[in-house]
PDB file of N, CA and C in Angstrom:
ATOM      1  N   UNK A   1      93.972  85.925  78.699  1.00  0.00           N
ATOM      2  CA  UNK A   1      94.899  86.952  78.510  1.00  0.00           C
ATOM      3  C   UNK A   1      96.325  86.395  78.191  1.00  0.00           C
ATOM      4  N   UNK A   2      96.660  85.304  78.863  1.00  0.00           N
ATOM      5  CA  UNK A   2      97.953  84.723  78.613  1.00  0.00           C
ATOM      6  C   UNK A   2      98.067  84.258  77.156  1.00  0.00           C
ATOM      7  N   UNK A   3      96.976  83.769  76.555  1.00  0.00           N
ATOM      8  CA  UNK A   3      96.999  83.312  75.200  1.00  0.00           C
ATOM      9  C   UNK A   3      97.248  84.524  74.218  1.00  0.00           C
ATOM     10  N   UNK A   4      96.938  85.659  74.631  1.00  0.00           N
ATOM     11  CA  UNK A   4      97.199  86.884  73.837  1.00  0.00           C
ATOM     12  C   UNK A   4      98.572  87.454  74.037  1.00  0.00           C
ATOM     13  N   UNK A   5      99.387  86.802  74.896  1.00  0.00           N
ATOM     14  CA  UNK A   5     100.755  87.257  75.132  1.00  0.00           C
ATOM     15  C   UNK A   5     100.919  88.260  76.303  1.00  0.00           C
ATOM     16  N   UNK A   6      99.868  88.407  77.060  1.00  0.00           N
ATOM     17  CA  UNK A   6      99.946  89.336  78.229  1.00  0.00           C
ATOM     18  C   UNK A   6     100.617  88.608  79.397  1.00  0.00           C
ATOM     19  N   UNK A   7     101.466  89.320  80.031  1.00  0.00           N
ATOM     20  CA  UNK A   7     102.092  88.926  81.329  1.00  0.00           C
ATOM     21  C   UNK A   7     101.259  89.488  82.424  1.00  0.00           C
ATOM     22  N   UNK A   8     100.812  88.625  83.381  1.00  0.00           N
ATOM     23  CA  UNK A   8     100.052  89.166  84.459  1.00  0.00           C
ATOM     24  C   UNK A   8     100.196  88.284  85.711  1.00  0.00           C
ATOM     25  N   UNK A   9      99.800  88.849  86.783  1.00  0.00           N
ATOM     26  CA  UNK A   9      99.846  88.164  88.084  1.00  0.00           C
ATOM     27  C   UNK A   9      98.404  88.193  88.618  1.00  0.00           C
ATOM     28  N   UNK A  10      97.974  87.156  89.312  1.00  0.00           N
ATOM     29  CA  UNK A  10      96.641  87.064  89.867  1.00  0.00           C
ATOM     30  C   UNK A  10      96.769  87.072  91.430  1.00  0.00           C
ATOM     31  N   UNK A  11      95.957  87.979  91.983  1.00  0.00           N
ATOM     32  CA  UNK A  11      95.903  88.075  93.489  1.00  0.00           C
ATOM     33  C   UNK A  11      94.484  88.013  93.937  1.00  0.00           C
ATOM     34  N   UNK A  12      94.253  87.332  95.036  1.00  0.00           N
ATOM     35  CA  UNK A  12      92.984  87.395  95.697  1.00  0.00           C
ATOM     36  C   UNK A  12      92.789  88.770  96.313  1.00  0.00           C
ATOM     37  N   UNK A  13      91.528  89.246  96.457  1.00  0.00           N
ATOM     38  CA  UNK A  13      91.310  90.586  96.977  1.00  0.00           C
ATOM     39  C   UNK A  13      91.619  90.759  98.455  1.00  0.00           C
ATOM     40  N   UNK A  14      92.066  89.722  99.053  1.00  0.00           N
ATOM     41  CA  UNK A  14      92.474  89.892 100.491  1.00  0.00           C
ATOM     42  C   UNK A  14      93.953  89.395 100.670  1.00  0.00           C
ATOM     43  N   UNK A  15      94.660  89.196  99.607  1.00  0.00           N
ATOM     44  CA  UNK A  15      95.989  88.668  99.621  1.00  0.00           C
ATOM     45  C   UNK A  15      97.058  89.757  99.819  1.00  0.00           C
ATOM     46  N   UNK A  16      96.856  90.933  99.298  1.00  0.00           N
ATOM     47  CA  UNK A  16      97.826  91.999  99.340  1.00  0.00           C
ATOM     48  C   UNK A  16      97.116  93.294  99.900  1.00  0.00           C
ATOM     49  N   UNK A  17      97.879  94.230 100.286  1.00  0.00           N
ATOM     50  CA  UNK A  17      97.375  95.529 100.615  1.00  0.00           C
ATOM     51  C   UNK A  17      97.453  96.474  99.326  1.00  0.00           C
ATOM     52  N   UNK A  18      96.802  97.545  99.364  1.00  0.00           N
ATOM     53  CA  UNK A  18      96.855  98.526  98.209  1.00  0.00           C
ATOM     54  C   UNK A  18      98.322  99.001  98.124  1.00  0.00           C
ATOM     55  N   UNK A  19      98.907  99.271  99.284  1.00  0.00           N
ATOM     56  CA  UNK A  19     100.291  99.732  99.285  1.00  0.00           C
ATOM     57  C   UNK A  19     101.254  98.718  98.580  1.00  0.00           C
ATOM     58  N   UNK A  20     101.045  97.423  98.870  1.00  0.00           N
ATOM     59  CA  UNK A  20     101.906  96.402  98.173  1.00  0.00           C
ATOM     60  C   UNK A  20     101.607  96.426  96.655  1.00  0.00           C
ATOM     61  N   UNK A  21     100.377  96.647  96.238  1.00  0.00           N
ATOM     62  CA  UNK A  21     100.095  96.752  94.800  1.00  0.00           C
ATOM     63  C   UNK A  21     100.768  97.932  94.218  1.00  0.00           C
ATOM     64  N   UNK A  22     100.747  99.084  94.925  1.00  0.00           N
ATOM     65  CA  UNK A  22     101.395 100.297  94.413  1.00  0.00           C
ATOM     66  C   UNK A  22     102.903 100.083  94.111  1.00  0.00           C
ATOM     67  N   UNK A  23     103.551  99.328  95.016  1.00  0.00           N
ATOM     68  CA  UNK A  23     104.969  99.051  94.829  1.00  0.00           C
ATOM     69  C   UNK A  23     105.286  98.180  93.657  1.00  0.00           C
ATOM     70  N   UNK A  24     104.314  97.539  93.056  1.00  0.00           N
ATOM     71  CA  UNK A  24     104.534  96.667  91.916  1.00  0.00           C
ATOM     72  C   UNK A  24     104.555  97.437  90.603  1.00  0.00           C
ATOM     73  N   UNK A  25     104.349  98.743  90.598  1.00  0.00           N
ATOM     74  CA  UNK A  25     104.394  99.556  89.346  1.00  0.00           C
ATOM     75  C   UNK A  25     103.502  98.908  88.233  1.00  0.00           C
ATOM     76  N   UNK A  26     102.256  98.740  88.553  1.00  0.00           N
ATOM     77  CA  UNK A  26     101.337  98.123  87.626  1.00  0.00           C
ATOM     78  C   UNK A  26     101.120  98.931  86.402  1.00  0.00           C
ATOM     79  N   UNK A  27     100.922  98.267  85.285  1.00  0.00           N
ATOM     80  CA  UNK A  27     100.516  98.880  84.040  1.00  0.00           C
ATOM     81  C   UNK A  27      99.009  98.928  83.784  1.00  0.00           C
ATOM     82  N   UNK A  28      98.329  98.153  84.625  1.00  0.00           N
ATOM     83  CA  UNK A  28      96.886  98.110  84.535  1.00  0.00           C
ATOM     84  C   UNK A  28      96.377  97.133  85.587  1.00  0.00           C
ATOM     85  N   UNK A  29      95.041  97.236  85.922  1.00  0.00           N
ATOM     86  CA  UNK A  29      94.425  96.375  86.908  1.00  0.00           C
ATOM     87  C   UNK A  29      93.120  95.900  86.323  1.00  0.00           C
ATOM     88  N   UNK A  30      92.922  94.579  86.370  1.00  0.00           N
ATOM     89  CA  UNK A  30      91.653  94.010  85.943  1.00  0.00           C
ATOM     90  C   UNK A  30      91.055  93.434  87.258  1.00  0.00           C
ATOM     91  N   UNK A  31      89.873  93.948  87.593  1.00  0.00           N
ATOM     92  CA  UNK A  31      89.153  93.538  88.758  1.00  0.00           C
ATOM     93  C   UNK A  31      88.040  92.499  88.347  1.00  0.00           C
ATOM     94  N   UNK A  32      88.214  91.298  88.818  1.00  0.00           N
ATOM     95  CA  UNK A  32      87.396  90.168  88.303  1.00  0.00           C
ATOM     96  C   UNK A  32      86.007  90.125  89.078  1.00  0.00           C
ATOM     97  N   UNK A  33      85.186  89.148  88.595  1.00  0.00           N
ATOM     98  CA  UNK A  33      83.874  88.976  89.212  1.00  0.00           C
ATOM     99  C   UNK A  33      83.927  88.488  90.642  1.00  0.00           C
ATOM    100  N   UNK A  34      82.809  88.465  91.349  1.00  0.00           N
ATOM    101  CA  UNK A  34      82.615  88.171  92.751  1.00  0.00           C
ATOM    102  C   UNK A  34      83.114  86.825  93.169  1.00  0.00           C
ATOM    103  N   UNK A  35      82.468  86.202  94.103  1.00  0.00           N
ATOM    104  CA  UNK A  35      81.062  86.337  94.532  1.00  0.00           C
ATOM    105  C   UNK A  35      80.844  87.571  95.431  1.00  0.00           C
ATOM    106  N   UNK A  36      79.626  87.873  95.574  1.00  0.00           N
ATOM    107  CA  UNK A  36      79.241  88.920  96.508  1.00  0.00           C
ATOM    108  C   UNK A  36      79.024  90.232  95.748  1.00  0.00           C
ATOM    109  N   UNK A  37      79.153  91.301  96.574  1.00  0.00           N
ATOM    110  CA  UNK A  37      78.849  92.649  96.100  1.00  0.00           C
ATOM    111  C   UNK A  37      80.151  93.471  96.203  1.00  0.00           C
ATOM    112  N   UNK A  38      80.147  94.703  95.716  1.00  0.00           N
ATOM    113  CA  UNK A  38      81.292  95.585  95.839  1.00  0.00           C
ATOM    114  C   UNK A  38      81.660  95.823  97.260  1.00  0.00           C
ATOM    115  N   UNK A  39      80.740  95.709  98.176  1.00  0.00           N
ATOM    116  CA  UNK A  39      81.039  95.886  99.602  1.00  0.00           C
ATOM    117  C   UNK A  39      81.788  94.682 100.216  1.00  0.00           C
ATOM    118  N   UNK A  40      81.760  93.548  99.521  1.00  0.00           N
ATOM    119  CA  UNK A  40      82.387  92.305  99.944  1.00  0.00           C
ATOM    120  C   UNK A  40      83.737  92.096  99.177  1.00  0.00           C
ATOM    121  N   UNK A  41      84.273  93.143  98.531  1.00  0.00           N
ATOM    122  CA  UNK A  41      85.351  92.900  97.567  1.00  0.00           C
ATOM    123  C   UNK A  41      86.731  93.130  98.080  1.00  0.00           C
ATOM    124  N   UNK A  42      86.932  92.926  99.352  1.00  0.00           N
ATOM    125  CA  UNK A  42      88.315  93.086  99.904  1.00  0.00           C
ATOM    126  C   UNK A  42      88.840  94.481  99.627  1.00  0.00           C
ATOM    127  N   UNK A  43      90.104  94.483  98.994  1.00  0.00           N
ATOM    128  CA  UNK A  43      90.751  95.772  98.689  1.00  0.00           C
ATOM    129  C   UNK A  43      90.379  96.393  97.355  1.00  0.00           C
ATOM    130  N   UNK A  44      89.408  95.763  96.664  1.00  0.00           N
ATOM    131  CA  UNK A  44      89.033  96.222  95.334  1.00  0.00           C
ATOM    132  C   UNK A  44      88.615  97.716  95.302  1.00  0.00           C
ATOM    133  N   UNK A  45      87.708  98.157  96.187  1.00  0.00           N
ATOM    134  CA  UNK A  45      87.278  99.524  96.139  1.00  0.00           C
ATOM    135  C   UNK A  45      88.459 100.501  96.444  1.00  0.00           C
ATOM    136  N   UNK A  46      89.229 100.153  97.449  1.00  0.00           N
ATOM    137  CA  UNK A  46      90.312 101.004  97.759  1.00  0.00           C
ATOM    138  C   UNK A  46      91.393 101.062  96.680  1.00  0.00           C
ATOM    139  N   UNK A  47      91.572  99.945  95.995  1.00  0.00           N
ATOM    140  CA  UNK A  47      92.480  99.885  94.847  1.00  0.00           C
ATOM    141  C   UNK A  47      91.955 100.841  93.774  1.00  0.00           C
ATOM    142  N   UNK A  48      90.726 100.861  93.456  1.00  0.00           N
ATOM    143  CA  UNK A  48      90.141 101.734  92.472  1.00  0.00           C
ATOM    144  C   UNK A  48      90.337 103.171  92.868  1.00  0.00           C
ATOM    145  N   UNK A  49      90.083 103.527  94.138  1.00  0.00           N
ATOM    146  CA  UNK A  49      90.220 104.900  94.589  1.00  0.00           C
ATOM    147  C   UNK A  49      91.676 105.395  94.524  1.00  0.00           C
ATOM    148  N   UNK A  50      92.603 104.517  94.873  1.00  0.00           N
ATOM    149  CA  UNK A  50      94.004 104.975  95.004  1.00  0.00           C
ATOM    150  C   UNK A  50      94.818 104.813  93.678  1.00  0.00           C
ATOM    151  N   UNK A  51      94.428 103.760  92.890  1.00  0.00           N
ATOM    152  CA  UNK A  51      95.183 103.552  91.663  1.00  0.00           C
ATOM    153  C   UNK A  51      94.444 104.126  90.432  1.00  0.00           C
ATOM    154  N   UNK A  52      93.104 104.232  90.541  1.00  0.00           N
ATOM    155  CA  UNK A  52      92.309 104.645  89.435  1.00  0.00           C
ATOM    156  C   UNK A  52      92.754 105.929  88.708  1.00  0.00           C
ATOM    157  N   UNK A  53      93.169 106.924  89.454  1.00  0.00           N
ATOM    158  CA  UNK A  53      93.577 108.178  88.764  1.00  0.00           C
ATOM    159  C   UNK A  53      94.831 108.030  87.870  1.00  0.00           C
ATOM    160  N   UNK A  54      95.636 107.020  88.100  1.00  0.00           N
ATOM    161  CA  UNK A  54      96.889 106.892  87.351  1.00  0.00           C
ATOM    162  C   UNK A  54      97.111 105.543  86.669  1.00  0.00           C
ATOM    163  N   UNK A  55      96.344 104.542  86.939  1.00  0.00           N
ATOM    164  CA  UNK A  55      96.532 103.204  86.382  1.00  0.00           C
ATOM    165  C   UNK A  55      95.255 102.804  85.626  1.00  0.00           C
ATOM    166  N   UNK A  56      95.320 102.362  84.462  1.00  0.00           N
ATOM    167  CA  UNK A  56      94.120 101.944  83.738  1.00  0.00           C
ATOM    168  C   UNK A  56      93.446 100.782  84.464  1.00  0.00           C
ATOM    169  N   UNK A  57      92.097 100.875  84.604  1.00  0.00           N
ATOM    170  CA  UNK A  57      91.342  99.839  85.313  1.00  0.00           C
ATOM    171  C   UNK A  57      90.335  99.247  84.361  1.00  0.00           C
ATOM    172  N   UNK A  58      90.032  97.921  84.539  1.00  0.00           N
ATOM    173  CA  UNK A  58      89.001  97.243  83.789  1.00  0.00           C
ATOM    174  C   UNK A  58      88.290  96.343  84.819  1.00  0.00           C
ATOM    175  N   UNK A  59      86.976  96.457  84.864  1.00  0.00           N
ATOM    176  CA  UNK A  59      86.208  95.627  85.804  1.00  0.00           C
ATOM    177  C   UNK A  59      85.259  94.702  85.087  1.00  0.00           C
ATOM    178  N   UNK A  60      85.149  93.479  85.562  1.00  0.00           N
ATOM    179  CA  UNK A  60      84.224  92.499  85.024  1.00  0.00           C
ATOM    180  C   UNK A  60      83.199  92.221  86.097  1.00  0.00           C
ATOM    181  N   UNK A  61      81.938  92.349  85.790  1.00  0.00           N
ATOM    182  CA  UNK A  61      80.892  92.062  86.745  1.00  0.00           C
ATOM    183  C   UNK A  61      81.055  92.852  88.073  1.00  0.00           C
ATOM    184  N   UNK A  62      81.370  92.146  89.156  1.00  0.00           N
ATOM    185  CA  UNK A  62      81.566  92.846  90.474  1.00  0.00           C
ATOM    186  C   UNK A  62      82.673  93.832  90.330  1.00  0.00           C
ATOM    187  N   UNK A  63      83.690  93.515  89.498  1.00  0.00           N
ATOM    188  CA  UNK A  63      84.780  94.486  89.325  1.00  0.00           C
ATOM    189  C   UNK A  63      84.316  95.872  88.742  1.00  0.00           C
ATOM    190  N   UNK A  64      83.417  95.712  87.838  1.00  0.00           N
ATOM    191  CA  UNK A  64      82.807  96.979  87.219  1.00  0.00           C
ATOM    192  C   UNK A  64      81.957  97.632  88.250  1.00  0.00           C
ATOM    193  N   UNK A  65      81.228  96.940  89.086  1.00  0.00           N
ATOM    194  CA  UNK A  65      80.477  97.507  90.182  1.00  0.00           C
ATOM    195  C   UNK A  65      81.381  98.228  91.116  1.00  0.00           C
ATOM    196  N   UNK A  66      82.510  97.684  91.453  1.00  0.00           N
ATOM    197  CA  UNK A  66      83.504  98.358  92.321  1.00  0.00           C
ATOM    198  C   UNK A  66      83.947  99.704  91.777  1.00  0.00           C
ATOM    199  N   UNK A  67      84.241  99.723  90.491  1.00  0.00           N
ATOM    200  CA  UNK A  67      84.674 100.953  89.817  1.00  0.00           C
ATOM    201  C   UNK A  67      83.525 101.950  89.945  1.00  0.00           C
ATOM    202  N   UNK A  68      82.320 101.535  89.645  1.00  0.00           N
ATOM    203  CA  UNK A  68      81.212 102.448  89.667  1.00  0.00           C
ATOM    204  C   UNK A  68      80.965 102.983  91.080  1.00  0.00           C
ATOM    205  N   UNK A  69      81.004 102.164  92.093  1.00  0.00           N
ATOM    206  CA  UNK A  69      80.785 102.603  93.479  1.00  0.00           C
ATOM    207  C   UNK A  69      81.908 103.531  93.913  1.00  0.00           C
ATOM    208  N   UNK A  70      83.156 103.240  93.588  1.00  0.00           N
ATOM    209  CA  UNK A  70      84.254 103.986  93.985  1.00  0.00           C
ATOM    210  C   UNK A  70      84.220 105.425  93.465  1.00  0.00           C
ATOM    211  N   UNK A  71      83.613 105.579  92.246  1.00  0.00           N
ATOM    212  CA  UNK A  71      83.480 106.904  91.680  1.00  0.00           C
ATOM    213  C   UNK A  71      82.100 107.534  91.846  1.00  0.00           C
ATOM    214  N   UNK A  72      81.381 107.024  92.873  1.00  0.00           N
ATOM    215  CA  UNK A  72      80.121 107.722  93.262  1.00  0.00           C
ATOM    216  C   UNK A  72      78.877 107.102  92.667  1.00  0.00           C
ATOM    217  N   UNK A  73      79.014 106.010  91.969  1.00  0.00           N
ATOM    218  CA  UNK A  73      77.810 105.323  91.357  1.00  0.00           C
ATOM    219  C   UNK A  73      77.028 104.580  92.433  1.00  0.00           C
ATOM    220  N   UNK A  74      75.899 104.117  92.074  1.00  0.00           N
ATOM    221  CA  UNK A  74      75.018 103.413  92.907  1.00  0.00           C
ATOM    222  C   UNK A  74      74.669 102.052  92.237  1.00  0.00           C
ATOM    223  N   UNK A  75      74.774 100.986  92.957  1.00  0.00           N
ATOM    224  CA  UNK A  75      74.330  99.676  92.411  1.00  0.00           C
ATOM    225  C   UNK A  75      72.953  99.392  92.857  1.00  0.00           C
ATOM    226  N   UNK A  76      72.099  99.168  91.863  1.00  0.00           N
ATOM    227  CA  UNK A  76      70.662  98.946  92.182  1.00  0.00           C
ATOM    228  C   UNK A  76      70.257  97.572  91.523  1.00  0.00           C
ATOM    229  N   UNK A  77      69.182  97.065  91.990  1.00  0.00           N
ATOM    230  CA  UNK A  77      68.634  95.781  91.351  1.00  0.00           C
ATOM    231  C   UNK A  77      67.999  96.135  90.008  1.00  0.00           C
ATOM    232  N   UNK A  78      68.282  95.248  89.078  1.00  0.00           N
ATOM    233  CA  UNK A  78      67.743  95.367  87.734  1.00  0.00           C
ATOM    234  C   UNK A  78      66.224  95.058  87.754  1.00  0.00           C
ATOM    235  N   UNK A  79      65.514  95.832  86.967  1.00  0.00           N
ATOM    236  CA  UNK A  79      64.060  95.494  86.839  1.00  0.00           C
ATOM    237  C   UNK A  79      63.827  94.296  85.877  1.00  0.00           C
ATOM    238  N   UNK A  80      64.887  93.823  85.242  1.00  0.00           N
ATOM    239  CA  UNK A  80      64.884  92.718  84.276  1.00  0.00           C
ATOM    240  C   UNK A  80      65.386  91.403  84.972  1.00  0.00           C
ATOM    241  N   UNK A  81      65.117  90.353  84.350  1.00  0.00           N
ATOM    242  CA  UNK A  81      65.655  89.058  84.831  1.00  0.00           C
ATOM    243  C   UNK A  81      67.127  89.042  84.840  1.00  0.00           C
ATOM    244  N   UNK A  82      67.746  88.578  85.829  1.00  0.00           N
ATOM    245  CA  UNK A  82      69.228  88.512  85.917  1.00  0.00           C
ATOM    246  C   UNK A  82      69.561  87.167  85.212  1.00  0.00           C
ATOM    247  N   UNK A  83      70.560  87.221  84.392  1.00  0.00           N
ATOM    248  CA  UNK A  83      70.945  86.053  83.607  1.00  0.00           C
ATOM    249  C   UNK A  83      72.494  85.834  83.815  1.00  0.00           C
ATOM    250  N   UNK A  84      72.830  84.692  84.373  1.00  0.00           N
ATOM    251  CA  UNK A  84      74.212  84.339  84.578  1.00  0.00           C
ATOM    252  C   UNK A  84      74.545  83.099  83.723  1.00  0.00           C
ATOM    253  N   UNK A  85      75.683  83.117  83.072  1.00  0.00           N
ATOM    254  CA  UNK A  85      76.150  81.944  82.351  1.00  0.00           C
ATOM    255  C   UNK A  85      75.449  81.654  81.039  1.00  0.00           C
ATOM    256  N   UNK A  86      74.726  82.626  80.511  1.00  0.00           N
ATOM    257  CA  UNK A  86      73.996  82.433  79.233  1.00  0.00           C
ATOM    258  C   UNK A  86      74.580  83.333  78.189  1.00  0.00           C
ATOM    259  N   UNK A  87      74.987  82.813  77.118  1.00  0.00           N
ATOM    260  CA  UNK A  87      75.563  83.644  75.994  1.00  0.00           C
ATOM    261  C   UNK A  87      74.398  84.362  75.289  1.00  0.00           C
ATOM    262  N   UNK A  88      74.733  85.580  74.951  1.00  0.00           N
ATOM    263  CA  UNK A  88      73.749  86.368  74.097  1.00  0.00           C
ATOM    264  C   UNK A  88      74.516  87.332  73.252  1.00  0.00           C
ATOM    265  N   UNK A  89      73.957  87.757  72.127  1.00  0.00           N
ATOM    266  CA  UNK A  89      74.576  88.754  71.242  1.00  0.00           C
ATOM    267  C   UNK A  89      74.483  90.088  71.890  1.00  0.00           C
ATOM    268  N   UNK A  90      75.541  90.864  71.682  1.00  0.00           N
ATOM    269  CA  UNK A  90      75.580  92.257  72.124  1.00  0.00           C
ATOM    270  C   UNK A  90      75.807  93.126  70.954  1.00  0.00           C
ATOM    271  N   UNK A  91      74.978  94.183  70.785  1.00  0.00           N
ATOM    272  CA  UNK A  91      75.122  95.078  69.685  1.00  0.00           C
ATOM    273  C   UNK A  91      75.562  96.445  70.212  1.00  0.00           C
ATOM    274  N   UNK A  92      76.368  97.124  69.449  1.00  0.00           N
ATOM    275  CA  UNK A  92      76.823  98.460  69.927  1.00  0.00           C
ATOM    276  C   UNK A  92      76.976  99.351  68.705  1.00  0.00           C
ATOM    277  N   UNK A  93      76.964 100.651  68.918  1.00  0.00           N
ATOM    278  CA  UNK A  93      77.235 101.673  67.912  1.00  0.00           C
ATOM    279  C   UNK A  93      78.631 102.164  68.135  1.00  0.00           C
ATOM    280  N   UNK A  94      79.493 102.117  67.164  1.00  0.00           N
ATOM    281  CA  UNK A  94      80.835 102.670  67.271  1.00  0.00           C
ATOM    282  C   UNK A  94      80.753 104.181  67.224  1.00  0.00           C
ATOM    283  N   UNK A  95      81.273 104.815  68.228  1.00  0.00           N
ATOM    284  CA  UNK A  95      81.177 106.287  68.386  1.00  0.00           C
ATOM    285  C   UNK A  95      82.572 106.835  68.184  1.00  0.00           C
ATOM    286  N   UNK A  96      83.005 107.068  67.009  1.00  0.00           N
ATOM    287  CA  UNK A  96      84.317 107.771  66.747  1.00  0.00           C
ATOM    288  C   UNK A  96      85.410 106.729  66.992  1.00  0.00           C
ATOM    289  N   UNK A  97      86.624 107.146  66.608  1.00  0.00           N
ATOM    290  CA  UNK A  97      87.790 106.230  66.655  1.00  0.00           C
ATOM    291  C   UNK A  97      88.300 106.020  68.035  1.00  0.00           C
ATOM    292  N   UNK A  98      87.962 106.873  69.013  1.00  0.00           N
ATOM    293  CA  UNK A  98      88.523 106.666  70.365  1.00  0.00           C
ATOM    294  C   UNK A  98      87.469 106.015  71.284  1.00  0.00           C
ATOM    295  N   UNK A  99      86.397 105.478  70.733  1.00  0.00           N
ATOM    296  CA  UNK A  99      85.405 104.752  71.536  1.00  0.00           C
ATOM    297  C   UNK A  99      85.925 103.468  72.111  1.00  0.00           C
ATOM    298  N   UNK A 100      85.311 102.980  73.118  1.00  0.00           N
ATOM    299  CA  UNK A 100      85.702 101.789  73.841  1.00  0.00           C
ATOM    300  C   UNK A 100      85.864 100.573  72.859  1.00  0.00           C
ATOM    301  N   UNK A 101      84.891 100.482  71.950  1.00  0.00           N
ATOM    302  CA  UNK A 101      84.872  99.331  71.032  1.00  0.00           C
ATOM    303  C   UNK A 101      85.435  99.675  69.647  1.00  0.00           C
ATOM    304  N   UNK A 102      86.125 100.791  69.515  1.00  0.00           N
ATOM    305  CA  UNK A 102      86.682 101.167  68.245  1.00  0.00           C
ATOM    306  C   UNK A 102      87.592 100.082  67.682  1.00  0.00           C
ATOM    307  N   UNK A 103      87.366  99.831  66.397  1.00  0.00           N
ATOM    308  CA  UNK A 103      88.241  98.846  65.717  1.00  0.00           C
ATOM    309  C   UNK A 103      87.815  97.393  65.836  1.00  0.00           C
ATOM    310  N   UNK A 104      86.832  97.107  66.685  1.00  0.00           N
ATOM    311  CA  UNK A 104      86.371  95.744  66.852  1.00  0.00           C
ATOM    312  C   UNK A 104      85.421  95.378  65.738  1.00  0.00           C
ATOM    313  N   UNK A 105      85.432  94.142  65.292  1.00  0.00           N
ATOM    314  CA  UNK A 105      84.391  93.754  64.291  1.00  0.00           C
ATOM    315  C   UNK A 105      83.018  93.792  64.848  1.00  0.00           C
ATOM    316  N   UNK A 106      82.107  94.159  63.977  1.00  0.00           N
ATOM    317  CA  UNK A 106      80.681  94.233  64.426  1.00  0.00           C
ATOM    318  C   UNK A 106      79.984  92.903  64.266  1.00  0.00           C
TER     319      UNK A 106
END
């Protein structure tokens, strides 16, 4: 992200409280991967619940699981092989100009 010109701070999920994060007037929150599960994620779930309605959130791996759980989702085991650290092509259908992947090359 730094290479793209973004200014950001990195915090461990047990380094600050949600109240301390709120005082930082964040423009967005990226919740990174584990280890562990969303239940082992320190303040991540509470951050999603309290900041999610007003601050853009993006979750990667466990971070995405935290967002899902915080908004009522359920994390279940995949019926497929779990693959970590292996690159693979991802295909998507662009759905309108306001889609998540709008404007990205195919």
